[in-house]
PDB file of all heavy atoms in Angstrom:
ATOM      1  N   ASP A   1     -50.549   6.710 -13.242  1.00  0.00           N
ATOM      2  CA  ASP A   1     -50.776   8.109 -13.482  1.00  0.00           C
ATOM      3  C   ASP A   1     -52.028   8.646 -12.835  1.00  0.00           C
ATOM      4  O   ASP A   1     -52.168   9.857 -12.655  1.00  0.00           O
ATOM      5  CB  ASP A   1     -50.821   8.383 -14.992  1.00  0.00           C
ATOM      6  CG  ASP A   1     -49.493   8.131 -15.698  1.00  0.00           C
ATOM      7  OD1 ASP A   1     -48.464   7.948 -14.969  1.00  0.00           O
ATOM      8  OD2 ASP A   1     -49.470   8.140 -16.913  1.00  0.00           O
ATOM      9  N   ILE A   2     -52.974   7.775 -12.515  1.00  0.00           N
ATOM     10  CA  ILE A   2     -54.234   8.227 -11.888  1.00  0.00           C
ATOM     11  C   ILE A   2     -54.334   7.781 -10.433  1.00  0.00           C
ATOM     12  O   ILE A   2     -55.417   7.803  -9.851  1.00  0.00           O
ATOM     13  CB  ILE A   2     -55.435   7.692 -12.698  1.00  0.00           C
ATOM     14  CG1 ILE A   2     -55.458   6.179 -12.778  1.00  0.00           C
ATOM     15  CG2 ILE A   2     -55.506   8.330 -14.073  1.00  0.00           C
ATOM     16  CD1 ILE A   2     -56.748   5.591 -13.324  1.00  0.00           C
ATOM     17  N   GLY A   3     -53.221   7.372  -9.870  1.00  0.00           N
ATOM     18  CA  GLY A   3     -53.198   6.933  -8.473  1.00  0.00           C
ATOM     19  C   GLY A   3     -53.021   5.433  -8.380  1.00  0.00           C
ATOM     20  O   GLY A   3     -52.853   4.738  -9.380  1.00  0.00           O
ATOM     21  N   PRO A   4     -53.057   4.904  -7.151  1.00  0.00           N
ATOM     22  CA  PRO A   4     -52.845   3.465  -6.977  1.00  0.00           C
ATOM     23  C   PRO A   4     -54.001   2.627  -7.520  1.00  0.00           C
ATOM     24  O   PRO A   4     -55.170   2.999  -7.403  1.00  0.00           O
ATOM     25  CB  PRO A   4     -52.688   3.297  -5.484  1.00  0.00           C
ATOM     26  CG  PRO A   4     -53.392   4.439  -4.901  1.00  0.00           C
ATOM     27  CD  PRO A   4     -53.274   5.565  -5.875  1.00  0.00           C
ATOM     28  N   LEU A   5     -53.647   1.516  -8.135  1.00  0.00           N
ATOM     29  CA  LEU A   5     -54.629   0.526  -8.584  1.00  0.00           C
ATOM     30  C   LEU A   5     -54.225  -0.821  -7.963  1.00  0.00           C
ATOM     31  O   LEU A   5     -53.040  -1.166  -7.926  1.00  0.00           O
ATOM     32  CB  LEU A   5     -54.589   0.356 -10.113  1.00  0.00           C
ATOM     33  CG  LEU A   5     -55.030   1.541 -10.958  1.00  0.00           C
ATOM     34  CD1 LEU A   5     -54.814   1.253 -12.446  1.00  0.00           C
ATOM     35  CD2 LEU A   5     -56.510   1.871 -10.686  1.00  0.00           C
ATOM     36  N   THR A   6     -55.212  -1.549  -7.497  1.00  0.00           N
ATOM     37  CA  THR A   6     -54.978  -2.907  -7.016  1.00  0.00           C
ATOM     38  C   THR A   6     -55.459  -3.868  -8.076  1.00  0.00           C
ATOM     39  O   THR A   6     -56.617  -3.796  -8.529  1.00  0.00           O
ATOM     40  CB  THR A   6     -55.740  -3.167  -5.672  1.00  0.00           C
ATOM     41  OG1 THR A   6     -55.234  -2.264  -4.696  1.00  0.00           O
ATOM     42  CG2 THR A   6     -55.519  -4.620  -5.222  1.00  0.00           C
ATOM     43  N   ILE A   7     -54.559  -4.737  -8.521  1.00  0.00           N
ATOM     44  CA  ILE A   7     -54.869  -5.725  -9.541  1.00  0.00           C
ATOM     45  C   ILE A   7     -54.951  -7.086  -8.861  1.00  0.00           C
ATOM     46  O   ILE A   7     -54.000  -7.482  -8.153  1.00  0.00           O
ATOM     47  CB  ILE A   7     -53.782  -5.711 -10.625  1.00  0.00           C
ATOM     48  CG1 ILE A   7     -53.655  -4.295 -11.252  1.00  0.00           C
ATOM     49  CG2 ILE A   7     -54.100  -6.741 -11.722  1.00  0.00           C
ATOM     50  CD1 ILE A   7     -52.490  -4.127 -12.184  1.00  0.00           C
ATOM     51  N   THR A   8     -56.039  -7.780  -9.091  1.00  0.00           N
ATOM     52  CA  THR A   8     -56.267  -9.074  -8.460  1.00  0.00           C
ATOM     53  C   THR A   8     -56.358 -10.142  -9.541  1.00  0.00           C
ATOM     54  O   THR A   8     -56.998  -9.931 -10.579  1.00  0.00           O
ATOM     55  CB  THR A   8     -57.560  -9.074  -7.637  1.00  0.00           C
ATOM     56  OG1 THR A   8     -57.502  -7.998  -6.705  1.00  0.00           O
ATOM     57  CG2 THR A   8     -57.749 -10.388  -6.883  1.00  0.00           C
ATOM     58  N   ALA A   9     -55.692 -11.284  -9.278  1.00  0.00           N
ATOM     59  CA  ALA A   9     -55.743 -12.395 -10.208  1.00  0.00           C
ATOM     60  C   ALA A   9     -56.191 -13.635  -9.458  1.00  0.00           C
ATOM     61  O   ALA A   9     -55.921 -13.796  -8.286  1.00  0.00           O
ATOM     62  CB  ALA A   9     -54.379 -12.650 -10.875  1.00  0.00           C
ATOM     63  N   GLU A  10     -56.862 -14.513 -10.180  1.00  0.00           N
ATOM     64  CA  GLU A  10     -57.220 -15.838  -9.701  1.00  0.00           C
ATOM     65  C   GLU A  10     -56.572 -16.809 -10.667  1.00  0.00           C
ATOM     66  O   GLU A  10     -56.923 -16.825 -11.843  1.00  0.00           O
ATOM     67  CB  GLU A  10     -58.728 -16.001  -9.654  1.00  0.00           C
ATOM     68  CG  GLU A  10     -59.158 -17.341  -9.047  1.00  0.00           C
ATOM     69  CD  GLU A  10     -60.648 -17.415  -8.903  1.00  0.00           C
ATOM     70  OE1 GLU A  10     -61.194 -16.888  -7.927  1.00  0.00           O
ATOM     71  OE2 GLU A  10     -61.274 -18.022  -9.818  1.00  0.00           O
ATOM     72  N   ASP A  11     -55.657 -17.586 -10.174  1.00  0.00           N
ATOM     73  CA  ASP A  11     -54.871 -18.448 -11.013  1.00  0.00           C
ATOM     74  C   ASP A  11     -54.215 -17.593 -12.098  1.00  0.00           C
ATOM     75  O   ASP A  11     -53.481 -16.695 -11.748  1.00  0.00           O
ATOM     76  CB  ASP A  11     -55.702 -19.610 -11.561  1.00  0.00           C
ATOM     77  CG  ASP A  11     -56.274 -20.482 -10.445  1.00  0.00           C
ATOM     78  OD1 ASP A  11     -55.552 -20.729  -9.467  1.00  0.00           O
ATOM     79  OD2 ASP A  11     -57.437 -20.894 -10.544  1.00  0.00           O
ATOM     80  N   ASP A  12     -54.486 -17.830 -13.354  1.00  0.00           N
ATOM     81  CA  ASP A  12     -53.834 -17.075 -14.441  1.00  0.00           C
ATOM     82  C   ASP A  12     -54.793 -16.113 -15.125  1.00  0.00           C
ATOM     83  O   ASP A  12     -54.625 -15.806 -16.310  1.00  0.00           O
ATOM     84  CB  ASP A  12     -53.261 -18.060 -15.454  1.00  0.00           C
ATOM     85  CG  ASP A  12     -52.078 -18.835 -14.915  1.00  0.00           C
ATOM     86  OD1 ASP A  12     -51.374 -18.293 -14.049  1.00  0.00           O
ATOM     87  OD2 ASP A  12     -51.858 -19.979 -15.329  1.00  0.00           O
ATOM     88  N   HIS A  13     -55.827 -15.602 -14.401  1.00  0.00           N
ATOM     89  CA  HIS A  13     -56.786 -14.683 -14.965  1.00  0.00           C
ATOM     90  C   HIS A  13     -56.935 -13.444 -14.089  1.00  0.00           C
ATOM     91  O   HIS A  13     -56.939 -13.551 -12.869  1.00  0.00           O
ATOM     92  CB  HIS A  13     -58.153 -15.346 -15.115  1.00  0.00           C
ATOM     93  CG  HIS A  13     -58.178 -16.440 -16.113  1.00  0.00           C
ATOM     94  ND1 HIS A  13     -57.776 -17.709 -15.849  1.00  0.00           N
ATOM     95  CD2 HIS A  13     -58.556 -16.431 -17.397  1.00  0.00           C
ATOM     96  CE1 HIS A  13     -57.884 -18.467 -16.944  1.00  0.00           C
ATOM     97  NE2 HIS A  13     -58.398 -17.702 -17.906  1.00  0.00           N
ATOM     98  N   ILE A  14     -57.082 -12.298 -14.722  1.00  0.00           N
ATOM     99  CA  ILE A  14     -57.357 -11.068 -13.993  1.00  0.00           C
ATOM    100  C   ILE A  14     -58.835 -11.080 -13.609  1.00  0.00           C
ATOM    101  O   ILE A  14     -59.708 -11.299 -14.434  1.00  0.00           O
ATOM    102  CB  ILE A  14     -57.037  -9.824 -14.858  1.00  0.00           C
ATOM    103  CG1 ILE A  14     -55.550  -9.805 -15.255  1.00  0.00           C
ATOM    104  CG2 ILE A  14     -57.451  -8.531 -14.134  1.00  0.00           C
ATOM    105  CD1 ILE A  14     -54.582  -9.715 -14.086  1.00  0.00           C
ATOM    106  N   ILE A  15     -59.105 -10.855 -12.338  1.00  0.00           N
ATOM    107  CA  ILE A  15     -60.499 -10.806 -11.875  1.00  0.00           C
ATOM    108  C   ILE A  15     -60.841  -9.432 -11.301  1.00  0.00           C
ATOM    109  O   ILE A  15     -62.050  -9.175 -11.044  1.00  0.00           O
ATOM    110  CB  ILE A  15     -60.801 -11.900 -10.855  1.00  0.00           C
ATOM    111  CG1 ILE A  15     -59.971 -11.753  -9.578  1.00  0.00           C
ATOM    112  CG2 ILE A  15     -60.685 -13.277 -11.458  1.00  0.00           C
ATOM    113  CD1 ILE A  15     -60.424 -12.634  -8.405  1.00  0.00           C
ATOM    114  N   GLY A  16     -59.857  -8.558 -11.088  1.00  0.00           N
ATOM    115  CA  GLY A  16     -60.169  -7.281 -10.545  1.00  0.00           C
ATOM    116  C   GLY A  16     -59.089  -6.230 -10.755  1.00  0.00           C
ATOM    117  O   GLY A  16     -57.896  -6.546 -10.699  1.00  0.00           O
ATOM    118  N   ILE A  17     -59.517  -5.014 -11.073  1.00  0.00           N
ATOM    119  CA  ILE A  17     -58.657  -3.855 -11.093  1.00  0.00           C
ATOM    120  C   ILE A  17     -59.450  -2.789 -10.372  1.00  0.00           C
ATOM    121  O   ILE A  17     -60.484  -2.345 -10.879  1.00  0.00           O
ATOM    122  CB  ILE A  17     -58.252  -3.394 -12.505  1.00  0.00           C
ATOM    123  CG1 ILE A  17     -57.463  -4.540 -13.197  1.00  0.00           C
ATOM    124  CG2 ILE A  17     -57.410  -2.113 -12.423  1.00  0.00           C
ATOM    125  CD1 ILE A  17     -57.079  -4.221 -14.647  1.00  0.00           C
ATOM    126  N   ASP A  18     -59.010  -2.423  -9.181  1.00  0.00           N
ATOM    127  CA  ASP A  18     -59.733  -1.503  -8.320  1.00  0.00           C
ATOM    128  C   ASP A  18     -58.911  -0.263  -8.079  1.00  0.00           C
ATOM    129  O   ASP A  18     -57.666  -0.312  -7.980  1.00  0.00           O
ATOM    130  CB  ASP A  18     -60.058  -2.170  -6.982  1.00  0.00           C
ATOM    131  CG  ASP A  18     -60.940  -3.391  -7.125  1.00  0.00           C
ATOM    132  OD1 ASP A  18     -62.028  -3.264  -7.707  1.00  0.00           O
ATOM    133  OD2 ASP A  18     -60.528  -4.498  -6.678  1.00  0.00           O
ATOM    134  N   PHE A  19     -59.617   0.858  -7.906  1.00  0.00           N
ATOM    135  CA  PHE A  19     -58.945   2.114  -7.563  1.00  0.00           C
ATOM    136  C   PHE A  19     -58.551   2.083  -6.098  1.00  0.00           C
ATOM    137  O   PHE A  19     -59.294   1.665  -5.227  1.00  0.00           O
ATOM    138  CB  PHE A  19     -59.868   3.285  -7.835  1.00  0.00           C
ATOM    139  CG  PHE A  19     -60.165   3.426  -9.293  1.00  0.00           C
ATOM    140  CD1 PHE A  19     -61.344   2.928  -9.833  1.00  0.00           C
ATOM    141  CD2 PHE A  19     -59.247   4.010 -10.166  1.00  0.00           C
ATOM    142  CE1 PHE A  19     -61.611   3.024 -11.178  1.00  0.00           C
ATOM    143  CE2 PHE A  19     -59.505   4.096 -11.517  1.00  0.00           C
ATOM    144  CZ  PHE A  19     -60.690   3.624 -12.031  1.00  0.00           C
ATOM    145  N   GLY A  20     -57.327   2.525  -5.816  1.00  0.00           N
ATOM    146  CA  GLY A  20     -56.824   2.570  -4.463  1.00  0.00           C
ATOM    147  C   GLY A  20     -56.127   1.272  -4.101  1.00  0.00           C
ATOM    148  O   GLY A  20     -55.904   0.372  -4.898  1.00  0.00           O
ATOM    149  N   VAL A  21     -55.799   1.175  -2.823  1.00  0.00           N
ATOM    150  CA  VAL A  21     -55.118  -0.018  -2.284  1.00  0.00           C
ATOM    151  C   VAL A  21     -56.156  -0.776  -1.448  1.00  0.00           C
ATOM    152  O   VAL A  21     -56.710  -0.244  -0.513  1.00  0.00           O
ATOM    153  CB  VAL A  21     -53.922   0.371  -1.415  1.00  0.00           C
ATOM    154  CG1 VAL A  21     -53.234  -0.864  -0.848  1.00  0.00           C
ATOM    155  CG2 VAL A  21     -52.924   1.213  -2.191  1.00  0.00           C
ATOM    156  N   THR A  22     -56.402  -2.014  -1.813  1.00  0.00           N
ATOM    157  CA  THR A  22     -57.354  -2.795  -1.043  1.00  0.00           C
ATOM    158  C   THR A  22     -56.629  -3.590   0.034  1.00  0.00           C
ATOM    159  O   THR A  22     -55.433  -3.836  -0.061  1.00  0.00           O
ATOM    160  CB  THR A  22     -58.168  -3.781  -1.951  1.00  0.00           C
ATOM    161  OG1 THR A  22     -57.264  -4.729  -2.488  1.00  0.00           O
ATOM    162  CG2 THR A  22     -58.860  -3.031  -3.054  1.00  0.00           C
ATOM    163  N   SER A  23     -57.354  -4.022   1.003  1.00  0.00           N
ATOM    164  CA  SER A  23     -56.735  -4.756   2.123  1.00  0.00           C
ATOM    165  C   SER A  23     -56.212  -6.097   1.707  1.00  0.00           C
ATOM    166  O   SER A  23     -55.386  -6.669   2.424  1.00  0.00           O
ATOM    167  CB  SER A  23     -57.799  -4.935   3.238  1.00  0.00           C
ATOM    168  OG  SER A  23     -58.886  -5.658   2.780  1.00  0.00           O
ATOM    169  N   SER A  24     -56.624  -6.612   0.547  1.00  0.00           N
ATOM    170  CA  SER A  24     -56.130  -7.922   0.120  1.00  0.00           C
ATOM    171  C   SER A  24     -54.789  -7.832  -0.646  1.00  0.00           C
ATOM    172  O   SER A  24     -54.232  -8.842  -1.001  1.00  0.00           O
ATOM    173  CB  SER A  24     -57.166  -8.611  -0.758  1.00  0.00           C
ATOM    174  OG  SER A  24     -57.382  -7.828  -1.952  1.00  0.00           O
ATOM    175  N   ALA A  25     -54.311  -6.627  -0.883  1.00  0.00           N
ATOM    176  CA  ALA A  25     -53.075  -6.469  -1.632  1.00  0.00           C
ATOM    177  C   ALA A  25     -51.909  -7.093  -0.878  1.00  0.00           C
ATOM    178  O   ALA A  25     -51.754  -6.921   0.322  1.00  0.00           O
ATOM    179  CB  ALA A  25     -52.760  -4.998  -1.925  1.00  0.00           C
ATOM    180  N   ASN A  26     -51.120  -7.906  -1.585  1.00  0.00           N
ATOM    181  CA  ASN A  26     -49.928  -8.496  -1.015  1.00  0.00           C
ATOM    182  C   ASN A  26     -48.757  -8.236  -1.948  1.00  0.00           C
ATOM    183  O   ASN A  26     -48.895  -7.577  -2.949  1.00  0.00           O
ATOM    184  CB  ASN A  26     -50.145  -9.974  -0.729  1.00  0.00           C
ATOM    185  CG  ASN A  26     -50.605 -10.733  -1.981  1.00  0.00           C
ATOM    186  OD1 ASN A  26     -50.074 -10.540  -3.058  1.00  0.00           O
ATOM    187  ND2 ASN A  26     -51.609 -11.576  -1.827  1.00  0.00           N
ATOM    188  N   CYS A  27     -47.614  -8.762  -1.658  1.00  0.00           N
ATOM    189  CA  CYS A  27     -46.399  -8.449  -2.421  1.00  0.00           C
ATOM    190  C   CYS A  27     -45.900  -9.689  -3.190  1.00  0.00           C
ATOM    191  O   CYS A  27     -44.724  -9.772  -3.462  1.00  0.00           O
ATOM    192  CB  CYS A  27     -45.321  -7.907  -1.525  1.00  0.00           C
ATOM    193  SG  CYS A  27     -45.790  -6.323  -0.793  1.00  0.00           S
ATOM    194  N   VAL A  28     -46.772 -10.581  -3.501  1.00  0.00           N
ATOM    195  CA  VAL A  28     -46.364 -11.799  -4.224  1.00  0.00           C
ATOM    196  C   VAL A  28     -46.099 -11.428  -5.696  1.00  0.00           C
ATOM    197  O   VAL A  28     -46.873 -10.691  -6.294  1.00  0.00           O
ATOM    198  CB  VAL A  28     -47.459 -12.881  -4.116  1.00  0.00           C
ATOM    199  CG1 VAL A  28     -47.097 -14.092  -4.926  1.00  0.00           C
ATOM    200  CG2 VAL A  28     -47.683 -13.236  -2.656  1.00  0.00           C
ATOM    201  N   ASN A  29     -45.044 -11.967  -6.246  1.00  0.00           N
ATOM    202  CA  ASN A  29     -44.743 -11.740  -7.677  1.00  0.00           C
ATOM    203  C   ASN A  29     -45.601 -12.680  -8.494  1.00  0.00           C
ATOM    204  O   ASN A  29     -45.412 -13.893  -8.463  1.00  0.00           O
ATOM    205  CB  ASN A  29     -43.255 -11.974  -7.915  1.00  0.00           C
ATOM    206  CG  ASN A  29     -42.872 -11.660  -9.343  1.00  0.00           C
ATOM    207  OD1 ASN A  29     -43.620 -11.048 -10.093  1.00  0.00           O
ATOM    208  ND2 ASN A  29     -41.664 -12.069  -9.716  1.00  0.00           N
ATOM    209  N   VAL A  30     -46.562 -12.128  -9.240  1.00  0.00           N
ATOM    210  CA  VAL A  30     -47.485 -12.929 -10.022  1.00  0.00           C
ATOM    211  C   VAL A  30     -47.372 -12.470 -11.466  1.00  0.00           C
ATOM    212  O   VAL A  30     -47.699 -11.300 -11.795  1.00  0.00           O
ATOM    213  CB  VAL A  30     -48.945 -12.754  -9.529  1.00  0.00           C
ATOM    214  CG1 VAL A  30     -49.911 -13.553 -10.359  1.00  0.00           C
ATOM    215  CG2 VAL A  30     -49.019 -13.167  -8.064  1.00  0.00           C
ATOM    216  N   PRO A  31     -46.892 -13.339 -12.372  1.00  0.00           N
ATOM    217  CA  PRO A  31     -46.690 -12.920 -13.771  1.00  0.00           C
ATOM    218  C   PRO A  31     -47.872 -12.257 -14.439  1.00  0.00           C
ATOM    219  O   PRO A  31     -47.711 -11.255 -15.118  1.00  0.00           O
ATOM    220  CB  PRO A  31     -46.289 -14.204 -14.467  1.00  0.00           C
ATOM    221  CG  PRO A  31     -45.684 -15.063 -13.379  1.00  0.00           C
ATOM    222  CD  PRO A  31     -46.465 -14.734 -12.137  1.00  0.00           C
ATOM    223  N   ILE A  32     -49.097 -12.765 -14.267  1.00  0.00           N
ATOM    224  CA  ILE A  32     -50.245 -12.173 -14.955  1.00  0.00           C
ATOM    225  C   ILE A  32     -50.570 -10.776 -14.423  1.00  0.00           C
ATOM    226  O   ILE A  32     -50.984  -9.900 -15.167  1.00  0.00           O
ATOM    227  CB  ILE A  32     -51.476 -13.107 -14.908  1.00  0.00           C
ATOM    228  CG1 ILE A  32     -52.557 -12.576 -15.867  1.00  0.00           C
ATOM    229  CG2 ILE A  32     -52.037 -13.260 -13.509  1.00  0.00           C
ATOM    230  CD1 ILE A  32     -52.164 -12.491 -17.302  1.00  0.00           C
ATOM    231  N   ILE A  33     -50.325 -10.553 -13.133  1.00  0.00           N
ATOM    232  CA  ILE A  33     -50.536  -9.232 -12.577  1.00  0.00           C
ATOM    233  C   ILE A  33     -49.455  -8.264 -13.080  1.00  0.00           C
ATOM    234  O   ILE A  33     -49.741  -7.122 -13.438  1.00  0.00           O
ATOM    235  CB  ILE A  33     -50.575  -9.258 -11.029  1.00  0.00           C
ATOM    236  CG1 ILE A  33     -51.818 -10.030 -10.551  1.00  0.00           C
ATOM    237  CG2 ILE A  33     -50.537  -7.849 -10.443  1.00  0.00           C
ATOM    238  CD1 ILE A  33     -51.912 -10.161  -9.059  1.00  0.00           C
TER     239      ILE A  33
END
């Protein structure tokens, strides 16, 4: 609702939620994300 968010996980933990689309975003299906 507030625009794109990039969610980053390391193993099974969330390490980042950033506003916008970051260059590291990929399309892998990750359950924790």
